[in-house]
């Protein structure tokens, strides 16, 4: 594979998430969830839209908050 194609594949958004689904199940606002896990409302919005892939630490905080596995929130595709 050409290096440029490989770089393009690596830079493409490759993670889906169910953060919005779990947040809505708990009837939480984005602001409330952000406060609970130590980030801004804008960070939660970006994660839910797929514009931001959280760090491993933040992914683990979210999973712990929702009492699910990281794999239940974030999936590779």
PDB file of N, CA and C in Angstrom:
ATOM      1  N   UNK A   1       0.850  -1.181   0.000  1.00  0.00           N
ATOM      2  CA  UNK A   1       0.000   0.000   0.000  1.00  0.00           C
ATOM      3  C   UNK A   1       0.893   1.242   0.000  1.00  0.00           C
ATOM      4  N   UNK A   2       0.496   2.203  -0.770  1.00  0.00           N
ATOM      5  CA  UNK A   2       1.249   3.450  -0.821  1.00  0.00           C
ATOM      6  C   UNK A   2       1.164   4.165   0.519  1.00  0.00           C
ATOM      7  N   UNK A   3       2.232   4.849   0.869  1.00  0.00           N
ATOM      8  CA  UNK A   3       2.273   5.561   2.148  1.00  0.00           C
ATOM      9  C   UNK A   3       1.150   6.580   2.253  1.00  0.00           C
ATOM     10  N   UNK A   4       0.829   7.272   1.166  1.00  0.00           N
ATOM     11  CA  UNK A   4      -0.233   8.286   1.222  1.00  0.00           C
ATOM     12  C   UNK A   4      -1.601   7.649   1.471  1.00  0.00           C
ATOM     13  N   UNK A   5      -1.863   6.498   0.889  1.00  0.00           N
ATOM     14  CA  UNK A   5      -3.137   5.808   1.131  1.00  0.00           C
ATOM     15  C   UNK A   5      -3.206   5.305   2.568  1.00  0.00           C
ATOM     16  N   UNK A   6      -2.091   4.800   3.065  1.00  0.00           N
ATOM     17  CA  UNK A   6      -2.049   4.309   4.438  1.00  0.00           C
ATOM     18  C   UNK A   6      -2.326   5.443   5.413  1.00  0.00           C
ATOM     19  N   UNK A   7      -1.742   6.614   5.178  1.00  0.00           N
ATOM     20  CA  UNK A   7      -1.956   7.775   6.024  1.00  0.00           C
ATOM     21  C   UNK A   7      -3.418   8.202   5.985  1.00  0.00           C
ATOM     22  N   UNK A   8      -4.022   8.185   4.822  1.00  0.00           N
ATOM     23  CA  UNK A   8      -5.428   8.546   4.683  1.00  0.00           C
ATOM     24  C   UNK A   8      -6.305   7.591   5.486  1.00  0.00           C
ATOM     25  N   UNK A   9      -6.032   6.303   5.422  1.00  0.00           N
ATOM     26  CA  UNK A   9      -6.810   5.326   6.182  1.00  0.00           C
ATOM     27  C   UNK A   9      -6.660   5.526   7.681  1.00  0.00           C
ATOM     28  N   UNK A  10      -5.464   5.839   8.116  1.00  0.00           N
ATOM     29  CA  UNK A  10      -5.230   6.031   9.544  1.00  0.00           C
ATOM     30  C   UNK A  10      -5.874   7.309  10.061  1.00  0.00           C
ATOM     31  N   UNK A  11      -5.973   8.324   9.204  1.00  0.00           N
ATOM     32  CA  UNK A  11      -6.515   9.590   9.658  1.00  0.00           C
ATOM     33  C   UNK A  11      -8.045   9.626   9.597  1.00  0.00           C
ATOM     34  N   UNK A  12      -8.669   8.693   8.901  1.00  0.00           N
ATOM     35  CA  UNK A  12     -10.132   8.664   8.810  1.00  0.00           C
ATOM     36  C   UNK A  12     -10.716   8.303  10.168  1.00  0.00           C
ATOM     37  N   UNK A  13     -11.899   8.871  10.452  1.00  0.00           N
ATOM     38  CA  UNK A  13     -12.573   8.564  11.712  1.00  0.00           C
ATOM     39  C   UNK A  13     -12.947   7.088  11.716  1.00  0.00           C
ATOM     40  N   UNK A  14     -12.332   6.315  12.580  1.00  0.00           N
ATOM     41  CA  UNK A  14     -12.519   4.876  12.583  1.00  0.00           C
ATOM     42  C   UNK A  14     -13.238   4.380  13.829  1.00  0.00           C
ATOM     43  N   UNK A  15     -13.788   5.277  14.628  1.00  0.00           N
ATOM     44  CA  UNK A  15     -14.452   4.869  15.858  1.00  0.00           C
ATOM     45  C   UNK A  15     -15.878   5.402  15.874  1.00  0.00           C
ATOM     46  N   UNK A  16     -16.825   4.506  16.101  1.00  0.00           N
ATOM     47  CA  UNK A  16     -18.214   4.892  16.333  1.00  0.00           C
ATOM     48  C   UNK A  16     -18.441   4.883  17.832  1.00  0.00           C
ATOM     49  N   UNK A  17     -19.471   5.591  18.286  1.00  0.00           N
ATOM     50  CA  UNK A  17     -19.742   5.564  19.719  1.00  0.00           C
ATOM     51  C   UNK A  17     -21.230   5.641  20.003  1.00  0.00           C
ATOM     52  N   UNK A  18     -21.581   5.224  21.206  1.00  0.00           N
ATOM     53  CA  UNK A  18     -22.970   5.232  21.678  1.00  0.00           C
ATOM     54  C   UNK A  18     -23.130   6.138  22.898  1.00  0.00           C
ATOM     55  N   UNK A  19     -22.277   7.125  23.022  1.00  0.00           N
ATOM     56  CA  UNK A  19     -22.325   8.018  24.182  1.00  0.00           C
ATOM     57  C   UNK A  19     -23.678   8.714  24.263  1.00  0.00           C
ATOM     58  N   UNK A  20     -24.159   9.240  23.139  1.00  0.00           N
ATOM     59  CA  UNK A  20     -25.442   9.937  23.146  1.00  0.00           C
ATOM     60  C   UNK A  20     -26.567   9.000  23.583  1.00  0.00           C
ATOM     61  N   UNK A  21     -26.557   7.776  23.090  1.00  0.00           N
ATOM     62  CA  UNK A  21     -27.572   6.784  23.466  1.00  0.00           C
ATOM     63  C   UNK A  21     -27.596   6.571  24.977  1.00  0.00           C
ATOM     64  N   UNK A  22     -26.435   6.323  25.579  1.00  0.00           N
ATOM     65  CA  UNK A  22     -26.376   6.079  27.022  1.00  0.00           C
ATOM     66  C   UNK A  22     -26.711   7.335  27.811  1.00  0.00           C
ATOM     67  N   UNK A  23     -26.290   8.496  27.318  1.00  0.00           N
ATOM     68  CA  UNK A  23     -26.597   9.757  28.007  1.00  0.00           C
ATOM     69  C   UNK A  23     -28.106   9.996  28.017  1.00  0.00           C
ATOM     70  N   UNK A  24     -28.731   9.788  26.884  1.00  0.00           N
ATOM     71  CA  UNK A  24     -30.175  10.009  26.802  1.00  0.00           C
ATOM     72  C   UNK A  24     -30.961   9.005  27.649  1.00  0.00           C
ATOM     73  N   UNK A  25     -30.462   7.779  27.764  1.00  0.00           N
ATOM     74  CA  UNK A  25     -31.120   6.788  28.626  1.00  0.00           C
ATOM     75  C   UNK A  25     -31.155   7.253  30.071  1.00  0.00           C
ATOM     76  N   UNK A  26     -30.138   7.992  30.479  1.00  0.00           N
ATOM     77  CA  UNK A  26     -30.067   8.503  31.856  1.00  0.00           C
ATOM     78  C   UNK A  26     -30.676   9.900  31.988  1.00  0.00           C
ATOM     79  N   UNK A  27     -31.270  10.397  30.906  1.00  0.00           N
ATOM     80  CA  UNK A  27     -31.888  11.730  30.907  1.00  0.00           C
ATOM     81  C   UNK A  27     -30.936  12.817  31.380  1.00  0.00           C
ATOM     82  N   UNK A  28     -29.711  12.769  30.875  1.00  0.00           N
ATOM     83  CA  UNK A  28     -28.697  13.759  31.233  1.00  0.00           C
ATOM     84  C   UNK A  28     -28.484  14.742  30.096  1.00  0.00           C
ATOM     85  N   UNK A  29     -28.161  15.973  30.442  1.00  0.00           N
ATOM     86  CA  UNK A  29     -27.727  16.927  29.435  1.00  0.00           C
ATOM     87  C   UNK A  29     -26.250  16.672  29.138  1.00  0.00           C
ATOM     88  N   UNK A  30     -25.790  17.231  28.039  1.00  0.00           N
ATOM     89  CA  UNK A  30     -24.369  17.134  27.713  1.00  0.00           C
ATOM     90  C   UNK A  30     -23.541  17.818  28.787  1.00  0.00           C
ATOM     91  N   UNK A  31     -24.051  18.907  29.322  1.00  0.00           N
ATOM     92  CA  UNK A  31     -23.345  19.619  30.380  1.00  0.00           C
ATOM     93  C   UNK A  31     -23.231  18.763  31.645  1.00  0.00           C
ATOM     94  N   UNK A  32     -24.307  18.099  32.015  1.00  0.00           N
ATOM     95  CA  UNK A  32     -24.285  17.240  33.212  1.00  0.00           C
ATOM     96  C   UNK A  32     -23.291  16.089  33.050  1.00  0.00           C
ATOM     97  N   UNK A  33     -23.299  15.462  31.874  1.00  0.00           N
ATOM     98  CA  UNK A  33     -22.362  14.362  31.634  1.00  0.00           C
ATOM     99  C   UNK A  33     -20.928  14.871  31.652  1.00  0.00           C
ATOM    100  N   UNK A  34     -20.687  15.988  30.994  1.00  0.00           N
ATOM    101  CA  UNK A  34     -19.338  16.556  30.998  1.00  0.00           C
ATOM    102  C   UNK A  34     -18.843  16.831  32.403  1.00  0.00           C
ATOM    103  N   UNK A  35     -19.706  17.428  33.218  1.00  0.00           N
ATOM    104  CA  UNK A  35     -19.333  17.714  34.608  1.00  0.00           C
ATOM    105  C   UNK A  35     -19.016  16.416  35.365  1.00  0.00           C
ATOM    106  N   UNK A  36     -19.805  15.379  35.131  1.00  0.00           N
ATOM    107  CA  UNK A  36     -19.619  14.108  35.842  1.00  0.00           C
ATOM    108  C   UNK A  36     -18.292  13.431  35.498  1.00  0.00           C
ATOM    109  N   UNK A  37     -17.811  13.632  34.272  1.00  0.00           N
ATOM    110  CA  UNK A  37     -16.559  12.972  33.870  1.00  0.00           C
ATOM    111  C   UNK A  37     -15.394  13.940  33.730  1.00  0.00           C
ATOM    112  N   UNK A  38     -15.608  15.216  34.069  1.00  0.00           N
ATOM    113  CA  UNK A  38     -14.506  16.170  34.118  1.00  0.00           C
ATOM    114  C   UNK A  38     -14.112  16.820  32.807  1.00  0.00           C
ATOM    115  N   UNK A  39     -15.083  16.970  31.888  1.00  0.00           N
ATOM    116  CA  UNK A  39     -14.799  17.661  30.626  1.00  0.00           C
ATOM    117  C   UNK A  39     -15.903  18.673  30.354  1.00  0.00           C
ATOM    118  N   UNK A  40     -15.715  19.474  29.313  1.00  0.00           N
ATOM    119  CA  UNK A  40     -16.711  20.486  28.976  1.00  0.00           C
ATOM    120  C   UNK A  40     -17.877  19.883  28.194  1.00  0.00           C
ATOM    121  N   UNK A  41     -18.950  20.640  28.154  1.00  0.00           N
ATOM    122  CA  UNK A  41     -20.115  20.258  27.341  1.00  0.00           C
ATOM    123  C   UNK A  41     -19.703  20.143  25.876  1.00  0.00           C
ATOM    124  N   UNK A  42     -18.814  21.033  25.427  1.00  0.00           N
ATOM    125  CA  UNK A  42     -18.359  21.012  24.040  1.00  0.00           C
ATOM    126  C   UNK A  42     -17.621  19.718  23.712  1.00  0.00           C
ATOM    127  N   UNK A  43     -16.878  19.181  24.673  1.00  0.00           N
ATOM    128  CA  UNK A  43     -16.177  17.909  24.456  1.00  0.00           C
ATOM    129  C   UNK A  43     -17.183  16.791  24.261  1.00  0.00           C
ATOM    130  N   UNK A  44     -18.232  16.758  25.078  1.00  0.00           N
ATOM    131  CA  UNK A  44     -19.262  15.723  24.940  1.00  0.00           C
ATOM    132  C   UNK A  44     -19.942  15.850  23.581  1.00  0.00           C
ATOM    133  N   UNK A  45     -20.256  17.073  23.173  1.00  0.00           N
ATOM    134  CA  UNK A  45     -20.870  17.296  21.863  1.00  0.00           C
ATOM    135  C   UNK A  45     -19.970  16.749  20.756  1.00  0.00           C
ATOM    136  N   UNK A  46     -18.691  17.069  20.815  1.00  0.00           N
ATOM    137  CA  UNK A  46     -17.749  16.623  19.784  1.00  0.00           C
ATOM    138  C   UNK A  46     -17.632  15.097  19.749  1.00  0.00           C
ATOM    139  N   UNK A  47     -17.623  14.456  20.914  1.00  0.00           N
ATOM    140  CA  UNK A  47     -17.569  12.992  20.968  1.00  0.00           C
ATOM    141  C   UNK A  47     -18.822  12.404  20.332  1.00  0.00           C
ATOM    142  N   UNK A  48     -19.980  12.914  20.733  1.00  0.00           N
ATOM    143  CA  UNK A  48     -21.245  12.385  20.215  1.00  0.00           C
ATOM    144  C   UNK A  48     -21.361  12.546  18.699  1.00  0.00           C
ATOM    145  N   UNK A  49     -20.836  13.636  18.158  1.00  0.00           N
ATOM    146  CA  UNK A  49     -20.890  13.874  16.714  1.00  0.00           C
ATOM    147  C   UNK A  49     -19.830  13.088  15.951  1.00  0.00           C
ATOM    148  N   UNK A  50     -18.887  12.492  16.680  1.00  0.00           N
ATOM    149  CA  UNK A  50     -17.808  11.768  16.021  1.00  0.00           C
ATOM    150  C   UNK A  50     -16.692  12.669  15.546  1.00  0.00           C
ATOM    151  N   UNK A  51     -16.666  13.907  16.030  1.00  0.00           N
ATOM    152  CA  UNK A  51     -15.618  14.852  15.642  1.00  0.00           C
ATOM    153  C   UNK A  51     -14.387  14.776  16.536  1.00  0.00           C
ATOM    154  N   UNK A  52     -14.483  14.026  17.610  1.00  0.00           N
ATOM    155  CA  UNK A  52     -13.377  13.939  18.576  1.00  0.00           C
ATOM    156  C   UNK A  52     -13.346  12.529  19.143  1.00  0.00           C
ATOM    157  N   UNK A  53     -12.180  11.925  19.113  1.00  0.00           N
ATOM    158  CA  UNK A  53     -11.990  10.615  19.716  1.00  0.00           C
ATOM    159  C   UNK A  53     -11.335  10.821  21.078  1.00  0.00           C
ATOM    160  N   UNK A  54     -12.028  10.431  22.137  1.00  0.00           N
ATOM    161  CA  UNK A  54     -11.503  10.705  23.481  1.00  0.00           C
ATOM    162  C   UNK A  54     -10.253   9.902  23.785  1.00  0.00           C
ATOM    163  N   UNK A  55      -9.510  10.404  24.746  1.00  0.00           N
ATOM    164  CA  UNK A  55      -8.348   9.663  25.230  1.00  0.00           C
ATOM    165  C   UNK A  55      -8.830   8.376  25.888  1.00  0.00           C
ATOM    166  N   UNK A  56      -7.922   7.465  26.092  1.00  0.00           N
ATOM    167  CA  UNK A  56      -8.266   6.217  26.778  1.00  0.00           C
ATOM    168  C   UNK A  56      -8.803   6.514  28.172  1.00  0.00           C
ATOM    169  N   UNK A  57      -8.200   7.454  28.866  1.00  0.00           N
ATOM    170  CA  UNK A  57      -8.648   7.803  30.219  1.00  0.00           C
ATOM    171  C   UNK A  57     -10.081   8.308  30.202  1.00  0.00           C
ATOM    172  N   UNK A  58     -10.403   9.200  29.266  1.00  0.00           N
ATOM    173  CA  UNK A  58     -11.766   9.716  29.193  1.00  0.00           C
ATOM    174  C   UNK A  58     -12.744   8.618  28.784  1.00  0.00           C
ATOM    175  N   UNK A  59     -12.361   7.765  27.852  1.00  0.00           N
ATOM    176  CA  UNK A  59     -13.228   6.649  27.461  1.00  0.00           C
ATOM    177  C   UNK A  59     -13.517   5.749  28.665  1.00  0.00           C
ATOM    178  N   UNK A  60     -12.509   5.517  29.488  1.00  0.00           N
ATOM    179  CA  UNK A  60     -12.692   4.686  30.679  1.00  0.00           C
ATOM    180  C   UNK A  60     -13.569   5.395  31.708  1.00  0.00           C
ATOM    181  N   UNK A  61     -13.416   6.709  31.858  1.00  0.00           N
ATOM    182  CA  UNK A  61     -14.282   7.465  32.777  1.00  0.00           C
ATOM    183  C   UNK A  61     -15.741   7.384  32.344  1.00  0.00           C
ATOM    184  N   UNK A  62     -15.973   7.543  31.041  1.00  0.00           N
ATOM    185  CA  UNK A  62     -17.338   7.454  30.524  1.00  0.00           C
ATOM    186  C   UNK A  62     -17.924   6.062  30.756  1.00  0.00           C
ATOM    187  N   UNK A  63     -17.147   5.039  30.466  1.00  0.00           N
ATOM    188  CA  UNK A  63     -17.621   3.665  30.672  1.00  0.00           C
ATOM    189  C   UNK A  63     -17.933   3.417  32.144  1.00  0.00           C
ATOM    190  N   UNK A  64     -17.067   3.873  33.029  1.00  0.00           N
ATOM    191  CA  UNK A  64     -17.300   3.698  34.466  1.00  0.00           C
ATOM    192  C   UNK A  64     -18.560   4.440  34.897  1.00  0.00           C
ATOM    193  N   UNK A  65     -18.752   5.651  34.393  1.00  0.00           N
ATOM    194  CA  UNK A  65     -19.930   6.425  34.744  1.00  0.00           C
ATOM    195  C   UNK A  65     -21.206   5.700  34.328  1.00  0.00           C
ATOM    196  N   UNK A  66     -21.211   5.141  33.120  1.00  0.00           N
ATOM    197  CA  UNK A  66     -22.398   4.451  32.618  1.00  0.00           C
ATOM    198  C   UNK A  66     -22.493   2.993  33.080  1.00  0.00           C
ATOM    199  N   UNK A  67     -21.444   2.527  33.769  1.00  0.00           N
ATOM    200  CA  UNK A  67     -21.393   1.141  34.256  1.00  0.00           C
ATOM    201  C   UNK A  67     -21.480   0.136  33.100  1.00  0.00           C
ATOM    202  N   UNK A  68     -20.687   0.427  32.066  1.00  0.00           N
ATOM    203  CA  UNK A  68     -20.581  -0.458  30.906  1.00  0.00           C
ATOM    204  C   UNK A  68     -19.101  -0.618  30.568  1.00  0.00           C
ATOM    205  N   UNK A  69     -18.817  -1.509  29.644  1.00  0.00           N
ATOM    206  CA  UNK A  69     -17.444  -1.683  29.179  1.00  0.00           C
ATOM    207  C   UNK A  69     -17.121  -0.605  28.145  1.00  0.00           C
ATOM    208  N   UNK A  70     -15.871  -0.266  28.007  1.00  0.00           N
ATOM    209  CA  UNK A  70     -15.442   0.695  26.988  1.00  0.00           C
ATOM    210  C   UNK A  70     -15.944   0.232  25.618  1.00  0.00           C
ATOM    211  N   UNK A  71     -15.885  -1.076  25.369  1.00  0.00           N
ATOM    212  CA  UNK A  71     -16.318  -1.627  24.078  1.00  0.00           C
ATOM    213  C   UNK A  71     -17.814  -1.447  23.846  1.00  0.00           C
ATOM    214  N   UNK A  72     -18.581  -1.226  24.910  1.00  0.00           N
ATOM    215  CA  UNK A  72     -20.017  -0.970  24.761  1.00  0.00           C
ATOM    216  C   UNK A  72     -20.270   0.465  24.312  1.00  0.00           C
ATOM    217  N   UNK A  73     -19.331   1.354  24.564  1.00  0.00           N
ATOM    218  CA  UNK A  73     -19.448   2.761  24.178  1.00  0.00           C
ATOM    219  C   UNK A  73     -18.761   3.081  22.853  1.00  0.00           C
ATOM    220  N   UNK A  74     -17.618   2.460  22.606  1.00  0.00           N
ATOM    221  CA  UNK A  74     -16.795   2.787  21.445  1.00  0.00           C
ATOM    222  C   UNK A  74     -16.489   1.538  20.645  1.00  0.00           C
ATOM    223  N   UNK A  75     -16.700   1.608  19.320  1.00  0.00           N
ATOM    224  CA  UNK A  75     -16.484   0.469  18.447  1.00  0.00           C
ATOM    225  C   UNK A  75     -15.624   0.868  17.254  1.00  0.00           C
ATOM    226  N   UNK A  76     -14.663   0.028  16.919  1.00  0.00           N
ATOM    227  CA  UNK A  76     -13.893   0.234  15.690  1.00  0.00           C
ATOM    228  C   UNK A  76     -14.734  -0.199  14.504  1.00  0.00           C
ATOM    229  N   UNK A  77     -14.576   0.484  13.407  1.00  0.00           N
ATOM    230  CA  UNK A  77     -15.285   0.034  12.181  1.00  0.00           C
ATOM    231  C   UNK A  77     -14.339   0.033  11.016  1.00  0.00           C
TER     232      UNK A  77
END
